[in-house]
Amino acid sequence: MKGILGKKLGMTQVFDAAGRSIPVTVIEAGPCVVVSHRTPEKHGYNALQLGLVAVDEKKLNKPEAGVFKKAGVKAAKIVREVRVDDVGSYQVGSEVKCDLFAVGEHVDVIATSKGKGFAGAMKRHHFGGGPRSHGSMTHRQPASSGSTDGARTFKGTRKPGHLGFNQRTIQNLTVIRVDLDKNLLLVQGSVPGPNHGLVLVRNSVKA
């Protein structure tokens, strides 16, 4: 198990040796600094705390700044935990770079999807809508809420509400290119979230 934090830059295309176009998402992966370890003896699991994007300590509160001061590393704006098999191979203060992954390796990318605000039932749940004949007046209304003897709306009923802004994982994306000089990972296919959004790239759990 391994992973790295990054920032989605957008999509483009590259061409393989046969001249075929491959759509790829460009991710600026790291460099991430190892802030601390999570061990089975103390926390019950193996993980690393990774920091991304350096920030002035004056912008942090005292508990947050104390974490970085104790570790002896520069303060980071974004801190996330990444599960690993062995924390002993990562030293506190060391950097995790995009060469953690190799070309052809399969990865899972976790990100937060774009928020689209309040949406109706048709857009949110892909309903087909009602009859469009003259006088029906139910073109874009949701259907019945279900059983009437419950005297309430049951949880999970598909209704209008907040659309998007959910954590999503895209599995088994292939690494097409690794640019260590520019800290770039090019993965085949699309990745959730807006450009410049935070993403977590980890090795695939199914490949």
C-alpha atoms as a PDB file:
ATOM      1  CA  MET A   1       0.000   0.000   0.000  1.00  0.00           C
ATOM      2  CA  LYS A   2       1.272   3.443  -0.928  1.00  0.00           C
ATOM      3  CA  GLY A   3      -0.106   6.833  -1.903  1.00  0.00           C
ATOM      4  CA  ILE A   4       0.597  10.481  -2.577  1.00  0.00           C
ATOM      5  CA  LEU A   5      -1.353  13.740  -2.430  1.00  0.00           C
ATOM      6  CA  GLY A   6      -1.655  15.921  -5.484  1.00  0.00           C
ATOM      7  CA  LYS A   7      -3.571  18.546  -7.387  1.00  0.00           C
ATOM      8  CA  LYS A   8      -5.614  17.957 -10.522  1.00  0.00           C
ATOM      9  CA  LEU A   9      -4.444  20.295 -13.275  1.00  0.00           C
ATOM     10  CA  GLY A  10      -6.795  19.276 -16.082  1.00  0.00           C
ATOM     11  CA  MET A  11      -7.071  16.927 -19.057  1.00  0.00           C
ATOM     12  CA  THR A  12      -5.138  16.580 -22.279  1.00  0.00           C
ATOM     13  CA  GLN A  13      -4.130  13.846 -24.709  1.00  0.00           C
ATOM     14  CA  VAL A  14      -0.941  11.952 -25.475  1.00  0.00           C
ATOM     15  CA  PHE A  15      -0.100   9.601 -28.315  1.00  0.00           C
ATOM     16  CA  ASP A  16       1.327   6.109 -27.990  1.00  0.00           C
ATOM     17  CA  ALA A  17       3.830   4.412 -30.282  1.00  0.00           C
ATOM     18  CA  ALA A  18       1.040   3.360 -32.651  1.00  0.00           C
ATOM     19  CA  GLY A  19      -0.224   6.936 -32.961  1.00  0.00           C
ATOM     20  CA  ARG A  20      -3.404   6.342 -30.974  1.00  0.00           C
ATOM     21  CA  SER A  21      -4.741   9.225 -28.893  1.00  0.00           C
ATOM     22  CA  ILE A  22      -5.000   8.524 -25.148  1.00  0.00           C
ATOM     23  CA  PRO A  23      -7.057  10.921 -22.976  1.00  0.00           C
ATOM     24  CA  VAL A  24      -5.182  11.597 -19.745  1.00  0.00           C
ATOM     25  CA  THR A  25      -5.638  13.624 -16.570  1.00  0.00           C
ATOM     26  CA  VAL A  26      -2.603  15.619 -15.461  1.00  0.00           C
ATOM     27  CA  ILE A  27      -1.970  15.469 -11.713  1.00  0.00           C
ATOM     28  CA  GLU A  28       0.686  17.513  -9.934  1.00  0.00           C
ATOM     29  CA  ALA A  29       1.667  14.836  -7.412  1.00  0.00           C
ATOM     30  CA  GLY A  30       3.728  16.099  -4.488  1.00  0.00           C
ATOM     31  CA  PRO A  31       6.326  16.517  -3.372  1.00  0.00           C
ATOM     32  CA  CYS A  32       4.733  15.621  -0.037  1.00  0.00           C
ATOM     33  CA  VAL A  33       6.581  15.822   3.279  1.00  0.00           C
ATOM     34  CA  VAL A  34       6.182  13.051   5.867  1.00  0.00           C
ATOM     35  CA  VAL A  35       4.834  14.779   8.982  1.00  0.00           C
ATOM     36  CA  SER A  36       4.361  11.790  11.304  1.00  0.00           C
ATOM     37  CA  HIS A  37       3.784   8.046  11.526  1.00  0.00           C
ATOM     38  CA  ARG A  38       0.732   6.058  12.569  1.00  0.00           C
ATOM     39  CA  THR A  39       1.763   2.703  14.048  1.00  0.00           C
ATOM     40  CA  PRO A  40      -0.231  -0.372  15.142  1.00  0.00           C
ATOM     41  CA  GLU A  41       1.223  -0.172  18.651  1.00  0.00           C
ATOM     42  CA  LYS A  42      -0.009   3.368  19.279  1.00  0.00           C
ATOM     43  CA  HIS A  43      -2.841   3.927  16.802  1.00  0.00           C
ATOM     44  CA  GLY A  44      -3.883   0.450  15.649  1.00  0.00           C
ATOM     45  CA  TYR A  45      -2.893   0.773  11.988  1.00  0.00           C
ATOM     46  CA  ASN A  46      -0.011   1.710   9.681  1.00  0.00           C
ATOM     47  CA  ALA A  47      -0.236   5.093   7.955  1.00  0.00           C
ATOM     48  CA  LEU A  48       1.672   8.247   7.125  1.00  0.00           C
ATOM     49  CA  GLN A  49       0.636  11.826   7.683  1.00  0.00           C
ATOM     50  CA  LEU A  50       1.585  13.647   4.486  1.00  0.00           C
ATOM     51  CA  GLY A  51       1.734  17.425   4.114  1.00  0.00           C
ATOM     52  CA  LEU A  52       1.221  19.277   0.836  1.00  0.00           C
ATOM     53  CA  VAL A  53       1.620  22.984  -0.047  1.00  0.00           C
ATOM     54  CA  ALA A  54       3.907  24.893   2.313  1.00  0.00           C
ATOM     55  CA  VAL A  55       2.289  27.622   4.407  1.00  0.00           C
ATOM     56  CA  ASP A  56       3.454  30.267   6.862  1.00  0.00           C
ATOM     57  CA  GLU A  57       3.128  29.089  10.473  1.00  0.00           C
ATOM     58  CA  LYS A  58       1.496  32.413  11.341  1.00  0.00           C
ATOM     59  CA  LYS A  59      -1.583  31.262   9.432  1.00  0.00           C
ATOM     60  CA  LEU A  60      -2.002  28.195  11.643  1.00  0.00           C
ATOM     61  CA  ASN A  61      -3.369  27.959  15.154  1.00  0.00           C
ATOM     62  CA  LYS A  62      -1.084  26.806  17.975  1.00  0.00           C
ATOM     63  CA  PRO A  63      -2.139  23.114  18.014  1.00  0.00           C
ATOM     64  CA  GLU A  64      -1.621  22.837  14.247  1.00  0.00           C
ATOM     65  CA  ALA A  65       1.714  24.641  14.345  1.00  0.00           C
ATOM     66  CA  GLY A  66       2.808  22.466  17.260  1.00  0.00           C
ATOM     67  CA  VAL A  67       2.443  19.301  15.183  1.00  0.00           C
ATOM     68  CA  PHE A  68       4.939  20.559  12.606  1.00  0.00           C
ATOM     69  CA  LYS A  69       7.260  21.994  15.271  1.00  0.00           C
ATOM     70  CA  LYS A  70       7.383  18.662  17.074  1.00  0.00           C
ATOM     71  CA  ALA A  71       8.153  16.829  13.833  1.00  0.00           C
ATOM     72  CA  GLY A  72      10.775  19.406  12.837  1.00  0.00           C
ATOM     73  CA  VAL A  73       9.298  19.942   9.375  1.00  0.00           C
ATOM     74  CA  LYS A  74       7.943  22.953   7.525  1.00  0.00           C
ATOM     75  CA  ALA A  75       4.264  23.724   7.995  1.00  0.00           C
ATOM     76  CA  ALA A  76       1.879  22.460   5.328  1.00  0.00           C
ATOM     77  CA  LYS A  77      -1.522  23.767   4.326  1.00  0.00           C
ATOM     78  CA  ILE A  78      -2.971  20.318   3.572  1.00  0.00           C
ATOM     79  CA  VAL A  79      -2.393  17.272   5.788  1.00  0.00           C
ATOM     80  CA  ARG A  80      -3.893  13.862   5.067  1.00  0.00           C
ATOM     81  CA  GLU A  81      -3.286  10.296   6.198  1.00  0.00           C
ATOM     82  CA  VAL A  82      -2.233   7.648   3.673  1.00  0.00           C
ATOM     83  CA  ARG A  83      -2.234   3.957   4.550  1.00  0.00           C
ATOM     84  CA  VAL A  84       1.045   2.108   3.956  1.00  0.00           C
ATOM     85  CA  ASP A  85       2.297  -1.396   4.691  1.00  0.00           C
ATOM     86  CA  ASP A  86       5.458  -0.349   6.518  1.00  0.00           C
ATOM     87  CA  VAL A  87       6.041   3.097   8.008  1.00  0.00           C
ATOM     88  CA  GLY A  88       9.644   2.220   8.788  1.00  0.00           C
ATOM     89  CA  SER A  89      10.687   2.825   5.188  1.00  0.00           C
ATOM     90  CA  TYR A  90       9.602   6.486   5.439  1.00  0.00           C
ATOM     91  CA  GLN A  91      11.524   8.901   7.638  1.00  0.00           C
ATOM     92  CA  VAL A  92       9.794  11.913   9.212  1.00  0.00           C
ATOM     93  CA  GLY A  93      10.799  14.969   7.196  1.00  0.00           C
ATOM     94  CA  SER A  94      11.527  13.004   4.024  1.00  0.00           C
ATOM     95  CA  GLU A  95       9.726  13.719   0.760  1.00  0.00           C
ATOM     96  CA  VAL A  96       7.384  11.480  -1.199  1.00  0.00           C
ATOM     97  CA  LYS A  97       7.547  12.243  -4.918  1.00  0.00           C
ATOM     98  CA  CYS A  98       5.669  11.176  -8.017  1.00  0.00           C
ATOM     99  CA  ASP A  99       8.279   8.530  -8.883  1.00  0.00           C
ATOM    100  CA  LEU A 100       6.513   6.457  -6.214  1.00  0.00           C
ATOM    101  CA  PHE A 101       4.519   5.129  -9.190  1.00  0.00           C
ATOM    102  CA  ALA A 102       5.843   3.691 -12.444  1.00  0.00           C
ATOM    103  CA  VAL A 103       4.542   3.850 -16.011  1.00  0.00           C
ATOM    104  CA  GLY A 104       1.981   1.104 -16.604  1.00  0.00           C
ATOM    105  CA  GLU A 105       1.046   0.780 -12.928  1.00  0.00           C
ATOM    106  CA  HIS A 106      -2.634   0.798 -11.957  1.00  0.00           C
ATOM    107  CA  VAL A 107      -3.824   3.370  -9.424  1.00  0.00           C
ATOM    108  CA  ASP A 108      -7.002   4.492  -7.680  1.00  0.00           C
ATOM    109  CA  VAL A 109      -7.699   8.232  -7.528  1.00  0.00           C
ATOM    110  CA  ILE A 110      -9.832   9.654  -4.714  1.00  0.00           C
ATOM    111  CA  ALA A 111     -11.249  13.170  -5.012  1.00  0.00           C
ATOM    112  CA  THR A 112     -14.311  15.271  -4.237  1.00  0.00           C
ATOM    113  CA  SER A 113     -16.696  15.671  -7.163  1.00  0.00           C
ATOM    114  CA  LYS A 114     -17.849  19.055  -8.396  1.00  0.00           C
ATOM    115  CA  GLY A 115     -20.651  20.604  -6.365  1.00  0.00           C
ATOM    116  CA  LYS A 116     -23.672  21.596  -8.461  1.00  0.00           C
ATOM    117  CA  GLY A 117     -25.872  23.099  -5.769  1.00  0.00           C
ATOM    118  CA  PHE A 118     -29.555  22.313  -5.337  1.00  0.00           C
ATOM    119  CA  ALA A 119     -30.952  20.205  -8.188  1.00  0.00           C
ATOM    120  CA  GLY A 120     -34.330  18.756  -9.069  1.00  0.00           C
ATOM    121  CA  ALA A 121     -35.106  15.046  -9.050  1.00  0.00           C
ATOM    122  CA  MET A 122     -34.723  14.640 -12.813  1.00  0.00           C
ATOM    123  CA  LYS A 123     -31.232  16.099 -12.962  1.00  0.00           C
ATOM    124  CA  ARG A 124     -30.091  14.610  -9.656  1.00  0.00           C
ATOM    125  CA  HIS A 125     -31.347  11.048 -10.184  1.00  0.00           C
ATOM    126  CA  HIS A 126     -31.731  10.922 -13.997  1.00  0.00           C
ATOM    127  CA  PHE A 127     -35.508  10.498 -13.919  1.00  0.00           C
ATOM    128  CA  GLY A 128     -37.269  10.334 -17.248  1.00  0.00           C
ATOM    129  CA  GLY A 129     -40.048  12.777 -16.337  1.00  0.00           C
ATOM    130  CA  GLY A 130     -43.779  12.583 -16.756  1.00  0.00           C
ATOM    131  CA  PRO A 131     -46.034  12.654 -19.851  1.00  0.00           C
ATOM    132  CA  ARG A 132     -45.394  15.518 -22.236  1.00  0.00           C
ATOM    133  CA  SER A 133     -48.858  15.545 -23.751  1.00  0.00           C
ATOM    134  CA  HIS A 134     -51.046  18.653 -23.659  1.00  0.00           C
ATOM    135  CA  GLY A 135     -52.407  19.391 -20.220  1.00  0.00           C
ATOM    136  CA  SER A 136     -50.448  16.808 -18.212  1.00  0.00           C
ATOM    137  CA  MET A 137     -48.621  19.491 -16.141  1.00  0.00           C
ATOM    138  CA  THR A 138     -46.212  16.896 -14.664  1.00  0.00           C
ATOM    139  CA  HIS A 139     -43.304  17.151 -17.080  1.00  0.00           C
ATOM    140  CA  ARG A 140     -40.442  17.372 -14.570  1.00  0.00           C
ATOM    141  CA  GLN A 141     -42.053  16.334 -11.312  1.00  0.00           C
ATOM    142  CA  PRO A 142     -40.825  13.296  -9.325  1.00  0.00           C
ATOM    143  CA  ALA A 143     -43.196  10.376  -8.943  1.00  0.00           C
ATOM    144  CA  SER A 144     -44.832   9.194  -5.724  1.00  0.00           C
ATOM    145  CA  SER A 145     -42.722   9.217  -2.572  1.00  0.00           C
ATOM    146  CA  GLY A 146     -43.706   5.606  -1.877  1.00  0.00           C
ATOM    147  CA  SER A 147     -45.926   4.012   0.749  1.00  0.00           C
ATOM    148  CA  THR A 148     -48.633   6.276   2.145  1.00  0.00           C
ATOM    149  CA  ASP A 149     -49.279   4.298   5.332  1.00  0.00           C
ATOM    150  CA  GLY A 150     -45.893   5.341   6.733  1.00  0.00           C
ATOM    151  CA  ALA A 151     -47.147   8.906   7.183  1.00  0.00           C
ATOM    152  CA  ARG A 152     -43.602  10.088   6.508  1.00  0.00           C
ATOM    153  CA  THR A 153     -40.908  10.092   3.857  1.00  0.00           C
ATOM    154  CA  PHE A 154     -38.564   7.151   4.256  1.00  0.00           C
ATOM    155  CA  LYS A 155     -34.805   7.658   4.286  1.00  0.00           C
ATOM    156  CA  GLY A 156     -33.142   7.140   0.929  1.00  0.00           C
ATOM    157  CA  THR A 157     -36.120   8.305  -1.115  1.00  0.00           C
ATOM    158  CA  ARG A 158     -34.830   9.939  -4.271  1.00  0.00           C
ATOM    159  CA  LYS A 159     -35.915  13.554  -4.120  1.00  0.00           C
ATOM    160  CA  PRO A 160     -34.543  17.010  -5.031  1.00  0.00           C
ATOM    161  CA  GLY A 161     -31.510  18.079  -3.029  1.00  0.00           C
ATOM    162  CA  HIS A 162     -27.803  18.861  -3.029  1.00  0.00           C
ATOM    163  CA  LEU A 163     -26.091  17.446  -6.120  1.00  0.00           C
ATOM    164  CA  GLY A 164     -22.384  16.637  -6.178  1.00  0.00           C
ATOM    165  CA  PHE A 165     -19.607  17.505  -3.720  1.00  0.00           C
ATOM    166  CA  ASN A 166     -19.184  13.874  -2.663  1.00  0.00           C
ATOM    167  CA  GLN A 167     -16.029  11.834  -2.253  1.00  0.00           C
ATOM    168  CA  ARG A 168     -15.576   9.551  -5.231  1.00  0.00           C
ATOM    169  CA  THR A 169     -12.975   6.914  -6.119  1.00  0.00           C
ATOM    170  CA  ILE A 170     -12.063   6.045  -9.703  1.00  0.00           C
ATOM    171  CA  GLN A 171     -10.383   2.648  -9.789  1.00  0.00           C
ATOM    172  CA  ASN A 172      -7.825   0.973 -12.045  1.00  0.00           C
ATOM    173  CA  LEU A 173      -6.512   4.011 -13.904  1.00  0.00           C
ATOM    174  CA  THR A 174      -3.260   3.343 -15.765  1.00  0.00           C
ATOM    175  CA  VAL A 175      -0.231   5.582 -15.264  1.00  0.00           C
ATOM    176  CA  ILE A 176       0.773   6.733 -18.756  1.00  0.00           C
ATOM    177  CA  ARG A 177       3.670   9.046 -17.947  1.00  0.00           C
ATOM    178  CA  VAL A 178       5.736  10.182 -14.942  1.00  0.00           C
ATOM    179  CA  ASP A 179       7.578  13.532 -15.047  1.00  0.00           C
ATOM    180  CA  LEU A 180       9.773  13.772 -11.964  1.00  0.00           C
ATOM    181  CA  ASP A 181      11.202  17.179 -12.912  1.00  0.00           C
ATOM    182  CA  LYS A 182       7.748  18.786 -12.947  1.00  0.00           C
ATOM    183  CA  ASN A 183       6.144  16.438 -10.363  1.00  0.00           C
ATOM    184  CA  LEU A 184       3.504  15.308 -12.855  1.00  0.00           C
ATOM    185  CA  LEU A 185       1.541  12.082 -13.127  1.00  0.00           C
ATOM    186  CA  LEU A 186      -0.471  11.436 -16.290  1.00  0.00           C
ATOM    187  CA  VAL A 187      -3.200   8.840 -15.716  1.00  0.00           C
ATOM    188  CA  GLN A 188      -5.488   7.486 -18.397  1.00  0.00           C
ATOM    189  CA  GLY A 189      -9.103   8.598 -18.089  1.00  0.00           C
ATOM    190  CA  SER A 190     -10.977  11.178 -16.062  1.00  0.00           C
ATOM    191  CA  VAL A 191     -10.681  12.120 -12.393  1.00  0.00           C
ATOM    192  CA  PRO A 192     -13.455  13.631 -10.196  1.00  0.00           C
ATOM    193  CA  GLY A 193     -13.414  17.244  -9.089  1.00  0.00           C
ATOM    194  CA  PRO A 194     -12.519  20.639 -10.551  1.00  0.00           C
ATOM    195  CA  ASN A 195      -9.143  21.727 -11.824  1.00  0.00           C
ATOM    196  CA  HIS A 196      -6.719  22.525  -8.972  1.00  0.00           C
ATOM    197  CA  GLY A 197      -8.742  20.286  -6.667  1.00  0.00           C
ATOM    198  CA  LEU A 198      -7.083  17.988  -4.132  1.00  0.00           C
ATOM    199  CA  VAL A 199      -6.675  14.329  -5.106  1.00  0.00           C
ATOM    200  CA  LEU A 200      -5.210  11.254  -3.435  1.00  0.00           C
ATOM    201  CA  VAL A 201      -3.444   8.762  -5.705  1.00  0.00           C
ATOM    202  CA  ARG A 202      -2.892   5.283  -4.285  1.00  0.00           C
ATOM    203  CA  ASN A 203      -2.056   1.894  -5.731  1.00  0.00           C
ATOM    204  CA  SER A 204      -5.073   0.025  -7.026  1.00  0.00           C
ATOM    205  CA  VAL A 205      -6.778  -2.352  -4.627  1.00  0.00           C
ATOM    206  CA  LYS A 206      -8.160  -4.543  -7.435  1.00  0.00           C
ATOM    207  CA  ALA A 207      -5.356  -4.713 -10.003  1.00  0.00           C
END
